[in-house]
Amino acid sequence: VQLQASGGGLVQVGGSLRLSCAVSGSISSVNILGWYKQAPGKQREPVALISNLGSTNYGESVKGRFTISQDNAKNTLYLQMNNLEPDDTGVYYCYAFKRGTFWGQGTQVTVSS
């Protein structure tokens, strides 16, 4: 599975961004897709996950603000991020699990106050 993330950028507090992750092959055959964030000096942590059954899971700090979704026709994973906060700053990686773990290259999100 190859993953190509895009959509990061610089945004002010309270703004929105939508991340995209192009997934090679059939996205519907991937067991779990998701987004992780790595802030400066910190470990990579899960932000949002979605299973091939459609169930979703969010980190506590993003619940109610972020929405994960996938478009099977476009083989693309999305992360809609609203009401962004400075602590959302970091490199966001898309993730896939299908008989193994796969990572995209990451996209930088910077939230300025």
Protein backbone atom coordinates (compact mmCIF):
# COMPACT_ATOMS: atom_id res chain seq x y z
CA VAL A 1 0.00 0.00 0.00
CA GLN A 2 1.38 3.41 -0.96
CA LEU A 3 0.09 6.58 0.68
CA GLN A 4 0.49 10.18 -0.49
CA ALA A 5 -0.66 12.87 1.93
CA SER A 6 -1.40 16.47 1.04
CA GLY A 7 -3.34 19.49 2.22
CA GLY A 8 -1.29 20.77 5.12
CA GLY A 9 -0.41 24.40 5.57
CA LEU A 10 -0.38 27.43 7.83
CA VAL A 11 -3.69 28.46 9.35
CA GLN A 12 -4.80 30.76 12.14
CA VAL A 13 -6.47 29.61 15.32
CA GLY A 14 -10.08 28.73 14.64
CA GLY A 15 -9.44 28.03 10.97
CA SER A 16 -9.97 24.86 8.98
CA LEU A 17 -7.94 22.55 6.78
CA ARG A 18 -8.72 19.36 4.91
CA LEU A 19 -6.00 16.77 4.56
CA SER A 20 -6.12 14.20 1.79
CA CYS A 21 -4.32 10.90 1.42
CA ALA A 22 -4.25 9.13 -1.92
CA VAL A 23 -4.16 5.37 -1.42
CA SER A 24 -2.74 3.04 -4.05
CA GLY A 25 -4.95 0.13 -5.02
CA SER A 26 -8.43 -0.48 -3.68
CA ILE A 27 -9.04 1.53 -0.51
CA SER A 28 -11.94 -0.71 0.43
CA SER A 29 -9.56 -3.67 0.87
CA VAL A 30 -7.55 -1.88 3.56
CA ASN A 31 -8.51 -2.95 7.09
CA ILE A 32 -7.80 0.32 8.88
CA LEU A 33 -6.94 3.80 7.65
CA GLY A 34 -6.06 6.74 9.78
CA TRP A 35 -4.17 9.89 10.61
CA TYR A 36 -1.39 10.32 13.14
CA LYS A 37 0.25 13.52 14.32
CA GLN A 38 3.82 14.08 15.41
CA ALA A 39 4.41 17.34 17.23
CA PRO A 40 7.95 18.70 17.66
CA GLY A 41 9.82 16.69 20.28
CA LYS A 42 6.93 14.29 20.82
CA GLN A 43 6.02 10.79 19.74
CA ARG A 44 3.66 10.12 16.89
CA GLU A 45 0.11 9.77 18.19
CA PRO A 46 -3.19 8.68 16.64
CA VAL A 47 -5.61 11.41 15.65
CA ALA A 48 -8.39 9.53 13.88
CA LEU A 49 -8.93 6.02 12.56
CA ILE A 50 -11.55 4.46 10.30
CA SER A 51 -12.11 0.77 9.68
CA ASN A 52 -13.28 -0.88 6.48
CA LEU A 53 -16.60 -1.40 8.26
CA GLY A 54 -16.94 2.37 8.64
CA SER A 55 -16.39 2.64 12.37
CA THR A 56 -14.37 5.64 13.49
CA ASN A 57 -12.21 6.46 16.48
CA TYR A 58 -10.86 9.87 17.48
CA GLY A 59 -8.28 11.17 19.89
CA GLU A 60 -9.84 12.94 22.84
CA SER A 61 -8.40 16.33 21.90
CA VAL A 62 -9.96 16.34 18.42
CA LYS A 63 -13.41 14.92 19.12
CA GLY A 64 -16.09 17.22 17.78
CA ARG A 65 -13.59 19.19 15.68
CA PHE A 66 -12.09 16.67 13.25
CA THR A 67 -13.85 14.26 10.92
CA ILE A 68 -12.25 11.32 9.15
CA SER A 69 -13.80 9.98 5.97
CA GLN A 70 -12.93 8.06 2.86
CA ASP A 71 -14.05 8.14 -0.75
CA ASN A 72 -13.81 4.61 -2.13
CA ALA A 73 -14.37 5.76 -5.72
CA LYS A 74 -11.37 8.10 -5.49
CA ASN A 75 -9.28 5.83 -3.24
CA THR A 76 -8.74 8.81 -0.98
CA LEU A 77 -8.77 9.29 2.77
CA TYR A 78 -9.65 12.69 4.25
CA LEU A 79 -9.32 14.50 7.53
CA GLN A 80 -11.50 17.58 7.89
CA MET A 81 -10.05 19.71 10.66
CA ASN A 82 -12.16 22.55 12.03
CA ASN A 83 -11.68 25.03 14.85
CA LEU A 84 -7.94 24.42 14.81
CA GLU A 85 -5.88 25.08 17.92
CA PRO A 86 -2.13 25.71 18.37
CA ASP A 87 -1.73 22.20 19.86
CA ASP A 88 -2.88 20.74 16.54
CA THR A 89 0.43 21.83 15.06
CA GLY A 90 2.57 18.97 13.80
CA VAL A 91 3.31 16.69 10.92
CA TYR A 92 0.31 14.60 9.98
CA TYR A 93 0.87 11.14 8.59
CA CYS A 94 -1.67 8.94 6.90
CA TYR A 95 -1.60 5.33 7.99
CA ALA A 96 -2.90 2.06 6.64
CA PHE A 97 -3.07 -1.44 7.99
CA LYS A 98 -3.43 -4.31 5.52
CA ARG A 99 -1.42 -7.39 6.45
CA GLY A 100 1.14 -4.89 7.76
CA THR A 101 1.58 -1.21 8.61
CA PHE A 102 2.10 1.48 5.97
CA TRP A 103 2.84 5.19 6.33
CA GLY A 104 2.61 8.17 4.04
CA GLN A 105 5.28 10.86 3.90
CA GLY A 106 3.57 13.38 6.18
CA THR A 107 2.19 16.85 5.67
CA GLN A 108 2.93 19.83 7.94
CA VAL A 109 0.10 21.60 9.73
CA THR A 110 0.92 24.80 11.57
CA VAL A 111 -1.69 26.66 13.59
CA SER A 112 -0.67 30.17 14.52
CA SER A 113 -2.10 32.26 17.30
